[in-house]
Amino acid sequence: MKKTAYNWKKAQLAKAPKLHKFVPDKPVLEKDIQKTIVTYLKLVGIKHTVSDASRWGKGGGATKVDPDHPDLTCVLPVFVTRQGIALKVGLALFIEVKTPQGRVSEGQRVRLIALADAGAVCVVARTLQEVQDVVKLFKDRELDADLLDKQYQLLKLKLSDRRSREVRTALSDLEHSLSNSKKENQ
């Protein structure tokens, strides 16, 4: 009998958390993007929960999660300075995961705007990069009201039904402004 050597590297790679591999011939599924985002959130230590609204109203009884609630609920650690003392607080982050071609329903749009109106950061994520950008912008940094306001305006423009030249120009300006803020924070 031929003995085979134990491949330590192969065994370690098999145990490592896997980011989803996107195969060009297969369509990208929302659940695969969500798995990748959840893996990233675990790696960077962001506390989160996955909302399973897929069981809403099905035979076994309804879940307590509304079907319009975002897919992921997270808490970003941020700092607020009060009277010269830095306090660590949590900033709510809600992520609605969509495929590149996916559409946000009217109920989801209303829910995301309501959560953002209440002070949360809301993102419609079509890629992992969109989540990484928001996490880098806010995590473990002093809370900046201007950045929150720009993120809110960006969300509202992305969720607007109109895709006019003015909306595209405003989106471009806000994304440019946010990317400049990210560079300043780094």
N, C-alpha and C. Protein backbone atom coordinates (compact mmCIF):
# COMPACT_ATOMS: atom_id res chain seq x y z
N MET A 1 0.83 -1.18 0.00
CA MET A 1 0.00 0.00 0.00
C MET A 1 0.87 1.25 0.00
N LYS A 2 0.47 2.21 -0.82
CA LYS A 2 1.23 3.44 -0.92
C LYS A 2 0.73 4.43 0.13
N LYS A 3 1.66 5.00 0.90
CA LYS A 3 1.29 6.00 1.91
C LYS A 3 1.29 7.38 1.27
N THR A 4 0.28 8.18 1.62
CA THR A 4 0.25 9.55 1.13
C THR A 4 0.57 10.49 2.28
N ALA A 5 1.33 11.51 1.99
CA ALA A 5 1.71 12.49 3.01
C ALA A 5 0.49 13.34 3.38
N TYR A 6 0.40 13.70 4.63
CA TYR A 6 -0.68 14.56 5.11
C TYR A 6 -0.41 15.98 4.63
N ASN A 7 -1.37 16.54 3.94
CA ASN A 7 -1.20 17.89 3.40
C ASN A 7 -1.80 18.88 4.40
N TRP A 8 -0.92 19.47 5.22
CA TRP A 8 -1.35 20.38 6.29
C TRP A 8 -2.03 21.62 5.73
N LYS A 9 -1.45 22.22 4.67
CA LYS A 9 -2.03 23.43 4.10
C LYS A 9 -3.44 23.18 3.57
N LYS A 10 -3.62 22.07 2.90
CA LYS A 10 -4.92 21.74 2.35
C LYS A 10 -5.96 21.56 3.47
N ALA A 11 -5.54 20.94 4.56
CA ALA A 11 -6.44 20.74 5.70
C ALA A 11 -6.81 22.07 6.34
N GLN A 12 -5.87 23.02 6.46
CA GLN A 12 -6.16 24.32 7.05
C GLN A 12 -7.09 25.14 6.16
N LEU A 13 -6.88 25.08 4.86
CA LEU A 13 -7.75 25.80 3.94
C LEU A 13 -9.17 25.26 3.98
N ALA A 14 -9.31 23.98 4.19
CA ALA A 14 -10.64 23.38 4.27
C ALA A 14 -11.41 23.87 5.49
N LYS A 15 -10.69 24.23 6.57
CA LYS A 15 -11.32 24.69 7.80
C LYS A 15 -11.63 26.18 7.78
N ALA A 16 -10.96 26.95 6.92
CA ALA A 16 -11.11 28.41 6.90
C ALA A 16 -12.51 28.81 6.44
N PRO A 17 -13.03 29.96 6.95
CA PRO A 17 -14.33 30.41 6.47
C PRO A 17 -14.21 30.77 4.99
N LYS A 18 -15.22 30.39 4.24
CA LYS A 18 -15.14 30.59 2.80
C LYS A 18 -16.01 31.76 2.37
N LEU A 19 -15.42 32.64 1.56
CA LEU A 19 -16.20 33.66 0.90
C LEU A 19 -16.74 33.01 -0.36
N HIS A 20 -17.97 33.33 -0.71
CA HIS A 20 -18.60 32.68 -1.86
C HIS A 20 -17.82 32.97 -3.13
N LYS A 21 -17.60 31.94 -3.92
CA LYS A 21 -16.93 32.10 -5.21
C LYS A 21 -18.00 32.31 -6.26
N PHE A 22 -17.91 33.45 -6.95
CA PHE A 22 -18.88 33.74 -7.99
C PHE A 22 -18.40 33.13 -9.30
N VAL A 23 -19.23 32.28 -9.88
CA VAL A 23 -18.91 31.63 -11.14
C VAL A 23 -19.58 32.45 -12.24
N PRO A 24 -18.82 32.89 -13.25
CA PRO A 24 -19.38 33.79 -14.26
C PRO A 24 -20.61 33.24 -14.99
N ASP A 25 -20.68 31.93 -15.21
CA ASP A 25 -21.79 31.35 -15.97
C ASP A 25 -23.09 31.26 -15.16
N LYS A 26 -22.97 31.28 -13.84
CA LYS A 26 -24.16 31.14 -13.00
C LYS A 26 -24.65 32.51 -12.56
N PRO A 27 -25.97 32.66 -12.43
CA PRO A 27 -26.48 33.95 -11.94
C PRO A 27 -26.12 34.14 -10.46
N VAL A 28 -25.86 35.38 -10.08
CA VAL A 28 -25.54 35.69 -8.70
C VAL A 28 -26.84 35.69 -7.91
N LEU A 29 -26.86 34.94 -6.82
CA LEU A 29 -28.05 34.85 -5.98
C LEU A 29 -27.90 35.75 -4.76
N GLU A 30 -29.03 36.27 -4.30
CA GLU A 30 -29.02 37.14 -3.13
C GLU A 30 -28.45 36.43 -1.90
N LYS A 31 -28.79 35.16 -1.73
CA LYS A 31 -28.30 34.42 -0.56
C LYS A 31 -26.78 34.28 -0.58
N ASP A 32 -26.18 34.18 -1.78
CA ASP A 32 -24.72 34.07 -1.87
C ASP A 32 -24.04 35.38 -1.50
N ILE A 33 -24.63 36.50 -1.95
CA ILE A 33 -24.08 37.81 -1.57
C ILE A 33 -24.21 37.99 -0.07
N GLN A 34 -25.35 37.58 0.49
CA GLN A 34 -25.59 37.72 1.93
C GLN A 34 -24.59 36.88 2.72
N LYS A 35 -24.31 35.64 2.28
CA LYS A 35 -23.33 34.80 2.98
C LYS A 35 -21.96 35.46 3.01
N THR A 36 -21.58 36.07 1.89
CA THR A 36 -20.30 36.75 1.81
C THR A 36 -20.26 37.94 2.77
N ILE A 37 -21.33 38.71 2.82
CA ILE A 37 -21.40 39.86 3.73
C ILE A 37 -21.35 39.41 5.18
N VAL A 38 -22.09 38.35 5.52
CA VAL A 38 -22.09 37.83 6.90
C VAL A 38 -20.70 37.35 7.29
N THR A 39 -20.01 36.68 6.39
CA THR A 39 -18.64 36.22 6.67
C THR A 39 -17.74 37.42 6.94
N TYR A 40 -17.87 38.46 6.14
CA TYR A 40 -17.07 39.68 6.34
C TYR A 40 -17.38 40.31 7.70
N LEU A 41 -18.68 40.43 8.04
CA LEU A 41 -19.05 41.03 9.32
C LEU A 41 -18.46 40.25 10.50
N LYS A 42 -18.44 38.92 10.38
CA LYS A 42 -17.83 38.09 11.43
C LYS A 42 -16.34 38.35 11.52
N LEU A 43 -15.68 38.45 10.38
CA LEU A 43 -14.22 38.66 10.37
C LEU A 43 -13.82 40.00 10.98
N VAL A 44 -14.63 41.05 10.79
CA VAL A 44 -14.28 42.36 11.33
C VAL A 44 -14.92 42.62 12.70
N GLY A 45 -15.63 41.64 13.23
CA GLY A 45 -16.17 41.74 14.58
C GLY A 45 -17.39 42.65 14.72
N ILE A 46 -18.21 42.75 13.69
CA ILE A 46 -19.45 43.54 13.76
C ILE A 46 -20.57 42.63 14.23
N LYS A 47 -21.21 43.02 15.32
CA LYS A 47 -22.35 42.25 15.84
C LYS A 47 -23.52 42.41 14.88
N HIS A 48 -24.15 41.29 14.54
CA HIS A 48 -25.23 41.33 13.56
C HIS A 48 -26.20 40.18 13.76
N THR A 49 -27.38 40.33 13.16
CA THR A 49 -28.35 39.24 13.10
C THR A 49 -28.90 39.20 11.68
N VAL A 50 -29.31 38.01 11.28
CA VAL A 50 -29.90 37.82 9.96
C VAL A 50 -31.40 37.71 10.15
N SER A 51 -32.14 38.54 9.43
CA SER A 51 -33.60 38.52 9.51
C SER A 51 -34.13 37.53 8.48
N ASP A 52 -34.84 36.52 8.93
CA ASP A 52 -35.39 35.53 8.01
C ASP A 52 -36.87 35.79 7.81
N ALA A 53 -37.18 36.65 6.85
CA ALA A 53 -38.57 36.95 6.56
C ALA A 53 -39.12 36.01 5.49
N SER A 54 -38.30 35.06 5.04
CA SER A 54 -38.74 34.15 3.99
C SER A 54 -39.87 33.24 4.46
N ARG A 55 -39.99 33.04 5.78
CA ARG A 55 -41.03 32.15 6.31
C ARG A 55 -42.32 32.90 6.61
N TRP A 56 -42.39 34.19 6.30
CA TRP A 56 -43.54 35.01 6.65
C TRP A 56 -44.83 34.40 6.11
N GLY A 57 -45.72 34.02 7.00
CA GLY A 57 -47.04 33.55 6.63
C GLY A 57 -47.10 32.17 5.99
N LYS A 58 -46.03 31.39 6.02
CA LYS A 58 -46.08 30.06 5.41
C LYS A 58 -46.66 29.07 6.40
N GLY A 59 -46.97 27.88 5.95
CA GLY A 59 -47.67 26.85 6.69
C GLY A 59 -47.33 26.68 8.15
N GLY A 60 -46.07 26.73 8.55
CA GLY A 60 -45.69 26.48 9.94
C GLY A 60 -45.94 27.64 10.87
N GLY A 61 -46.58 28.69 10.40
CA GLY A 61 -46.83 29.86 11.24
C GLY A 61 -45.89 30.98 10.86
N ALA A 62 -46.33 32.18 11.08
CA ALA A 62 -45.55 33.35 10.69
C ALA A 62 -44.42 33.62 11.68
N THR A 63 -43.32 34.13 11.15
CA THR A 63 -42.25 34.59 12.03
C THR A 63 -42.65 35.96 12.54
N LYS A 64 -41.88 36.47 13.48
CA LYS A 64 -42.18 37.79 14.02
C LYS A 64 -41.49 38.89 13.23
N VAL A 65 -40.78 38.53 12.18
CA VAL A 65 -40.08 39.52 11.36
C VAL A 65 -40.98 39.93 10.20
N ASP A 66 -41.18 41.22 10.07
CA ASP A 66 -41.97 41.75 8.97
C ASP A 66 -41.24 41.48 7.65
N PRO A 67 -41.94 41.14 6.58
CA PRO A 67 -41.27 40.82 5.32
C PRO A 67 -40.50 42.00 4.71
N ASP A 68 -40.81 43.22 5.12
CA ASP A 68 -40.12 44.39 4.58
C ASP A 68 -38.89 44.78 5.39
N HIS A 69 -38.64 44.08 6.50
CA HIS A 69 -37.48 44.40 7.33
C HIS A 69 -36.19 44.05 6.58
N PRO A 70 -35.14 44.87 6.69
CA PRO A 70 -33.88 44.58 6.00
C PRO A 70 -33.31 43.22 6.37
N ASP A 71 -32.50 42.67 5.47
CA ASP A 71 -31.95 41.32 5.64
C ASP A 71 -30.99 41.20 6.82
N LEU A 72 -30.20 42.23 7.08
CA LEU A 72 -29.21 42.18 8.15
C LEU A 72 -29.36 43.40 9.06
N THR A 73 -29.29 43.15 10.36
CA THR A 73 -29.32 44.20 11.36
C THR A 73 -27.99 44.15 12.10
N CYS A 74 -27.28 45.27 12.13
CA CYS A 74 -25.93 45.30 12.71
C CYS A 74 -25.80 46.47 13.67
N VAL A 75 -24.76 46.41 14.51
CA VAL A 75 -24.41 47.53 15.37
C VAL A 75 -22.95 47.89 15.12
N LEU A 76 -22.75 49.13 14.67
CA LEU A 76 -21.40 49.63 14.42
C LEU A 76 -20.91 50.36 15.67
N PRO A 77 -19.74 49.99 16.19
CA PRO A 77 -19.20 50.73 17.34
C PRO A 77 -18.64 52.07 16.86
N VAL A 78 -19.15 53.16 17.43
CA VAL A 78 -18.67 54.51 17.13
C VAL A 78 -18.42 55.25 18.43
N PHE A 79 -17.80 56.40 18.35
CA PHE A 79 -17.50 57.20 19.54
C PHE A 79 -18.21 58.54 19.45
N VAL A 80 -18.66 59.01 20.61
CA VAL A 80 -19.26 60.33 20.74
C VAL A 80 -18.50 61.03 21.86
N THR A 81 -18.09 62.26 21.61
CA THR A 81 -17.37 63.01 22.64
C THR A 81 -18.36 63.93 23.33
N ARG A 82 -18.43 63.78 24.64
CA ARG A 82 -19.30 64.63 25.44
C ARG A 82 -18.50 65.16 26.62
N GLN A 83 -18.42 66.47 26.72
CA GLN A 83 -17.69 67.14 27.79
C GLN A 83 -16.25 66.63 27.88
N GLY A 84 -15.63 66.44 26.72
CA GLY A 84 -14.24 66.03 26.67
C GLY A 84 -14.00 64.54 26.91
N ILE A 85 -15.07 63.77 27.09
CA ILE A 85 -14.92 62.33 27.34
C ILE A 85 -15.47 61.57 26.13
N ALA A 86 -14.66 60.65 25.61
CA ALA A 86 -15.10 59.84 24.47
C ALA A 86 -15.90 58.65 24.99
N LEU A 87 -17.12 58.53 24.51
CA LEU A 87 -17.99 57.42 24.90
C LEU A 87 -18.20 56.51 23.70
N LYS A 88 -18.10 55.20 23.93
CA LYS A 88 -18.35 54.25 22.87
C LYS A 88 -19.85 53.94 22.85
N VAL A 89 -20.46 54.13 21.68
CA VAL A 89 -21.89 53.88 21.53
C VAL A 89 -22.10 53.02 20.28
N GLY A 90 -23.29 52.52 20.11
CA GLY A 90 -23.61 51.71 18.94
C GLY A 90 -24.45 52.49 17.94
N LEU A 91 -24.12 52.35 16.69
CA LEU A 91 -24.88 52.97 15.61
C LEU A 91 -25.55 51.84 14.83
N ALA A 92 -26.88 51.90 14.70
CA ALA A 92 -27.61 50.86 13.99
C ALA A 92 -27.31 50.92 12.50
N LEU A 93 -27.03 49.74 11.93
CA LEU A 93 -26.79 49.61 10.49
C LEU A 93 -27.74 48.53 9.97
N PHE A 94 -28.56 48.89 9.00
CA PHE A 94 -29.48 47.94 8.38
C PHE A 94 -29.06 47.73 6.93
N ILE A 95 -28.94 46.47 6.53
CA ILE A 95 -28.48 46.13 5.18
C ILE A 95 -29.56 45.34 4.47
N GLU A 96 -30.01 45.86 3.35
CA GLU A 96 -30.93 45.15 2.47
C GLU A 96 -30.08 44.62 1.32
N VAL A 97 -29.99 43.30 1.20
CA VAL A 97 -29.15 42.67 0.19
C VAL A 97 -29.96 42.44 -1.08
N LYS A 98 -29.40 42.84 -2.21
CA LYS A 98 -30.04 42.65 -3.51
C LYS A 98 -28.99 42.20 -4.52
N THR A 99 -29.43 41.47 -5.52
CA THR A 99 -28.54 41.12 -6.63
C THR A 99 -28.35 42.38 -7.47
N PRO A 100 -27.36 42.39 -8.37
CA PRO A 100 -27.18 43.57 -9.21
C PRO A 100 -28.44 43.97 -9.99
N GLN A 101 -29.27 42.99 -10.34
CA GLN A 101 -30.50 43.29 -11.07
C GLN A 101 -31.72 43.37 -10.14
N GLY A 102 -31.55 43.07 -8.85
CA GLY A 102 -32.67 43.02 -7.91
C GLY A 102 -33.29 44.38 -7.68
N ARG A 103 -34.59 44.37 -7.38
CA ARG A 103 -35.32 45.62 -7.13
C ARG A 103 -35.78 45.67 -5.69
N VAL A 104 -35.74 46.85 -5.12
CA VAL A 104 -36.24 47.09 -3.77
C VAL A 104 -37.74 47.29 -3.87
N SER A 105 -38.50 46.52 -3.08
CA SER A 105 -39.96 46.65 -3.12
C SER A 105 -40.37 47.97 -2.47
N GLU A 106 -41.60 48.37 -2.71
CA GLU A 106 -42.10 49.62 -2.13
C GLU A 106 -42.09 49.55 -0.60
N GLY A 107 -42.49 48.40 -0.05
CA GLY A 107 -42.48 48.24 1.41
C GLY A 107 -41.08 48.32 1.99
N GLN A 108 -40.10 47.72 1.30
CA GLN A 108 -38.71 47.80 1.75
C GLN A 108 -38.20 49.23 1.67
N ARG A 109 -38.56 49.93 0.62
CA ARG A 109 -38.13 51.32 0.45
C ARG A 109 -38.67 52.18 1.60
N VAL A 110 -39.95 52.02 1.90
CA VAL A 110 -40.57 52.79 2.99
C VAL A 110 -39.90 52.45 4.32
N ARG A 111 -39.64 51.16 4.57
CA ARG A 111 -39.02 50.74 5.82
C ARG A 111 -37.60 51.32 5.96
N LEU A 112 -36.80 51.25 4.90
CA LEU A 112 -35.44 51.77 4.95
C LEU A 112 -35.42 53.28 5.22
N ILE A 113 -36.32 54.02 4.58
CA ILE A 113 -36.40 55.47 4.81
C ILE A 113 -36.82 55.75 6.25
N ALA A 114 -37.79 54.98 6.77
CA ALA A 114 -38.23 55.17 8.16
C ALA A 114 -37.10 54.90 9.15
N LEU A 115 -36.33 53.83 8.92
CA LEU A 115 -35.20 53.51 9.79
C LEU A 115 -34.12 54.60 9.71
N ALA A 116 -33.87 55.09 8.50
CA ALA A 116 -32.89 56.17 8.33
C ALA A 116 -33.37 57.46 8.99
N ASP A 117 -34.68 57.73 8.90
CA ASP A 117 -35.24 58.91 9.58
C ASP A 117 -35.05 58.81 11.09
N ALA A 118 -35.04 57.59 11.62
CA ALA A 118 -34.86 57.39 13.06
C ALA A 118 -33.38 57.47 13.48
N GLY A 119 -32.47 57.65 12.51
CA GLY A 119 -31.06 57.83 12.84
C GLY A 119 -30.15 56.67 12.50
N ALA A 120 -30.68 55.62 11.90
CA ALA A 120 -29.86 54.46 11.53
C ALA A 120 -29.18 54.70 10.18
N VAL A 121 -28.11 53.95 9.95
CA VAL A 121 -27.47 53.93 8.63
C VAL A 121 -28.08 52.76 7.88
N CYS A 122 -28.61 53.03 6.70
CA CYS A 122 -29.25 51.98 5.89
C CYS A 122 -28.55 51.88 4.55
N VAL A 123 -28.34 50.65 4.09
CA VAL A 123 -27.62 50.40 2.85
C VAL A 123 -28.36 49.35 2.04
N VAL A 124 -28.48 49.60 0.75
CA VAL A 124 -28.91 48.56 -0.18
C VAL A 124 -27.63 48.03 -0.80
N ALA A 125 -27.24 46.82 -0.41
CA ALA A 125 -25.94 46.27 -0.82
C ALA A 125 -26.12 45.28 -1.96
N ARG A 126 -25.48 45.58 -3.06
CA ARG A 126 -25.46 44.68 -4.20
C ARG A 126 -24.12 43.96 -4.31
N THR A 127 -23.15 44.47 -3.56
CA THR A 127 -21.82 43.86 -3.51
C THR A 127 -21.27 43.97 -2.10
N LEU A 128 -20.28 43.15 -1.80
CA LEU A 128 -19.60 43.23 -0.51
C LEU A 128 -18.92 44.58 -0.34
N GLN A 129 -18.40 45.13 -1.41
CA GLN A 129 -17.66 46.40 -1.36
C GLN A 129 -18.50 47.52 -0.77
N GLU A 130 -19.80 47.55 -1.08
CA GLU A 130 -20.67 48.60 -0.55
C GLU A 130 -20.76 48.52 0.97
N VAL A 131 -20.79 47.33 1.51
CA VAL A 131 -20.82 47.16 2.97
C VAL A 131 -19.46 47.53 3.57
N GLN A 132 -18.39 47.09 2.94
CA GLN A 132 -17.05 47.42 3.43
C GLN A 132 -16.84 48.93 3.49
N ASP A 133 -17.33 49.66 2.48
CA ASP A 133 -17.18 51.11 2.47
C ASP A 133 -17.87 51.76 3.66
N VAL A 134 -19.10 51.32 3.96
CA VAL A 134 -19.84 51.89 5.08
C VAL A 134 -19.17 51.55 6.41
N VAL A 135 -18.72 50.30 6.55
CA VAL A 135 -18.05 49.89 7.80
C VAL A 135 -16.78 50.72 8.01
N LYS A 136 -15.98 50.90 6.95
CA LYS A 136 -14.75 51.70 7.07
C LYS A 136 -15.06 53.15 7.39
N LEU A 137 -16.18 53.64 6.90
CA LEU A 137 -16.54 55.03 7.10
C LEU A 137 -16.93 55.33 8.55
N PHE A 138 -17.58 54.37 9.23
CA PHE A 138 -18.12 54.64 10.56
C PHE A 138 -17.47 53.86 11.70
N LYS A 139 -17.03 52.64 11.49
CA LYS A 139 -16.59 51.77 12.58
C LYS A 139 -15.42 52.37 13.36
N ASP A 140 -15.56 52.40 14.69
CA ASP A 140 -14.53 52.87 15.62
C ASP A 140 -14.05 54.28 15.33
N ARG A 141 -14.93 55.12 14.82
CA ARG A 141 -14.60 56.53 14.55
C ARG A 141 -15.55 57.41 15.33
N GLU A 142 -15.17 58.67 15.45
CA GLU A 142 -16.07 59.62 16.10
C GLU A 142 -17.25 59.87 15.17
N LEU A 143 -18.43 59.86 15.73
CA LEU A 143 -19.65 60.04 14.95
C LEU A 143 -19.66 61.42 14.33
N ASP A 144 -19.87 61.49 13.04
CA ASP A 144 -19.86 62.73 12.28
C ASP A 144 -21.25 62.93 11.68
N ALA A 145 -21.93 63.99 12.13
CA ALA A 145 -23.30 64.25 11.67
C ALA A 145 -23.35 64.51 10.17
N ASP A 146 -22.33 65.16 9.62
CA ASP A 146 -22.31 65.44 8.18
C ASP A 146 -22.25 64.14 7.38
N LEU A 147 -21.43 63.18 7.84
CA LEU A 147 -21.34 61.90 7.14
C LEU A 147 -22.67 61.15 7.21
N LEU A 148 -23.31 61.19 8.37
CA LEU A 148 -24.62 60.55 8.51
C LEU A 148 -25.62 61.17 7.55
N ASP A 149 -25.61 62.50 7.46
CA ASP A 149 -26.53 63.19 6.58
C ASP A 149 -26.27 62.84 5.11
N LYS A 150 -25.00 62.78 4.71
CA LYS A 150 -24.67 62.43 3.33
C LYS A 150 -25.09 60.99 3.02
N GLN A 151 -24.87 60.07 3.97
CA GLN A 151 -25.27 58.67 3.76
C GLN A 151 -26.79 58.58 3.61
N TYR A 152 -27.52 59.38 4.41
CA TYR A 152 -28.98 59.40 4.34
C TYR A 152 -29.45 59.94 2.98
N GLN A 153 -28.84 61.03 2.51
CA GLN A 153 -29.21 61.59 1.22
C GLN A 153 -28.91 60.60 0.09
N LEU A 154 -27.79 59.90 0.20
CA LEU A 154 -27.43 58.90 -0.80
C LEU A 154 -28.47 57.79 -0.85
N LEU A 155 -28.89 57.31 0.32
CA LEU A 155 -29.92 56.27 0.38
C LEU A 155 -31.21 56.74 -0.29
N LYS A 156 -31.66 57.94 0.05
CA LYS A 156 -32.91 58.45 -0.52
C LYS A 156 -32.83 58.57 -2.03
N LEU A 157 -31.68 59.02 -2.53
CA LEU A 157 -31.53 59.14 -3.98
C LEU A 157 -31.50 57.77 -4.65
N LYS A 158 -30.82 56.80 -4.01
CA LYS A 158 -30.76 55.46 -4.60
C LYS A 158 -32.13 54.80 -4.60
N LEU A 159 -32.95 55.14 -3.63
CA LEU A 159 -34.28 54.53 -3.55
C LEU A 159 -35.34 55.30 -4.32
N SER A 160 -34.99 56.46 -4.85
CA SER A 160 -35.98 57.25 -5.58
C SER A 160 -36.35 56.53 -6.87
N ASP A 161 -37.57 56.74 -7.29
CA ASP A 161 -38.07 56.09 -8.49
C ASP A 161 -37.54 56.74 -9.75
N ARG A 162 -37.18 58.01 -9.64
CA ARG A 162 -36.72 58.73 -10.82
C ARG A 162 -35.24 58.47 -11.06
N ARG A 163 -34.89 58.31 -12.30
CA ARG A 163 -33.48 58.15 -12.68
C ARG A 163 -33.11 59.25 -13.68
N SER A 164 -33.49 60.47 -13.33
CA SER A 164 -33.24 61.60 -14.22
C SER A 164 -31.77 62.01 -14.15
N ARG A 165 -31.40 62.93 -15.02
CA ARG A 165 -30.04 63.43 -15.04
C ARG A 165 -29.69 64.09 -13.70
N GLU A 166 -30.65 64.83 -13.10
CA GLU A 166 -30.40 65.49 -11.82
C GLU A 166 -30.10 64.48 -10.72
N VAL A 167 -30.86 63.37 -10.70
CA VAL A 167 -30.64 62.33 -9.68
C VAL A 167 -29.27 61.69 -9.89
N ARG A 168 -28.92 61.37 -11.13
CA ARG A 168 -27.61 60.76 -11.41
C ARG A 168 -26.48 61.70 -11.03
N THR A 169 -26.64 63.01 -11.31
CA THR A 169 -25.62 64.00 -10.95
C THR A 169 -25.50 64.11 -9.43
N ALA A 170 -26.63 64.16 -8.74
CA ALA A 170 -26.60 64.25 -7.28
C ALA A 170 -25.97 63.00 -6.66
N LEU A 171 -26.30 61.82 -7.21
CA LEU A 171 -25.69 60.58 -6.73
C LEU A 171 -24.18 60.62 -6.91
N SER A 172 -23.74 61.05 -8.07
CA SER A 172 -22.32 61.13 -8.36
C SER A 172 -21.62 62.09 -7.40
N ASP A 173 -22.23 63.26 -7.17
CA ASP A 173 -21.63 64.25 -6.26
C ASP A 173 -21.53 63.72 -4.84
N LEU A 174 -22.61 63.06 -4.36
CA LEU A 174 -22.60 62.52 -3.00
C LEU A 174 -21.60 61.38 -2.85
N GLU A 175 -21.54 60.49 -3.83
CA GLU A 175 -20.57 59.39 -3.76
C GLU A 175 -19.15 59.93 -3.77
N HIS A 176 -18.90 60.98 -4.55
CA HIS A 176 -17.58 61.61 -4.59
C HIS A 176 -17.26 62.24 -3.23
N SER A 177 -18.25 62.92 -2.65
CA SER A 177 -18.07 63.55 -1.33
C SER A 177 -17.79 62.51 -0.26
N LEU A 178 -18.54 61.38 -0.29
CA LEU A 178 -18.31 60.31 0.69
C LEU A 178 -16.94 59.68 0.50
N SER A 179 -16.51 59.49 -0.75
CA SER A 179 -15.19 58.88 -0.96
C SER A 179 -14.09 59.82 -0.48
N ASN A 180 -14.28 61.14 -0.61
CA ASN A 180 -13.31 62.09 -0.06
C ASN A 180 -13.28 62.02 1.46
N SER A 181 -14.45 61.86 2.08
CA SER A 181 -14.52 61.72 3.54
C SER A 181 -13.80 60.46 4.00
N LYS A 182 -13.95 59.37 3.24
CA LYS A 182 -13.27 58.12 3.58
C LYS A 182 -11.76 58.30 3.54
N LYS A 183 -11.28 59.01 2.51
CA LYS A 183 -9.83 59.23 2.38
C LYS A 183 -9.31 60.07 3.54
N GLU A 184 -10.10 61.08 3.97
CA GLU A 184 -9.70 61.92 5.09
C GLU A 184 -9.65 61.12 6.38
N ASN A 185 -10.58 60.17 6.57
CA ASN A 185 -10.65 59.38 7.79
C ASN A 185 -9.55 58.34 7.90
N GLN A 186 -8.95 57.97 6.76
CA GLN A 186 -7.94 56.91 6.79
C GLN A 186 -6.58 57.41 7.13
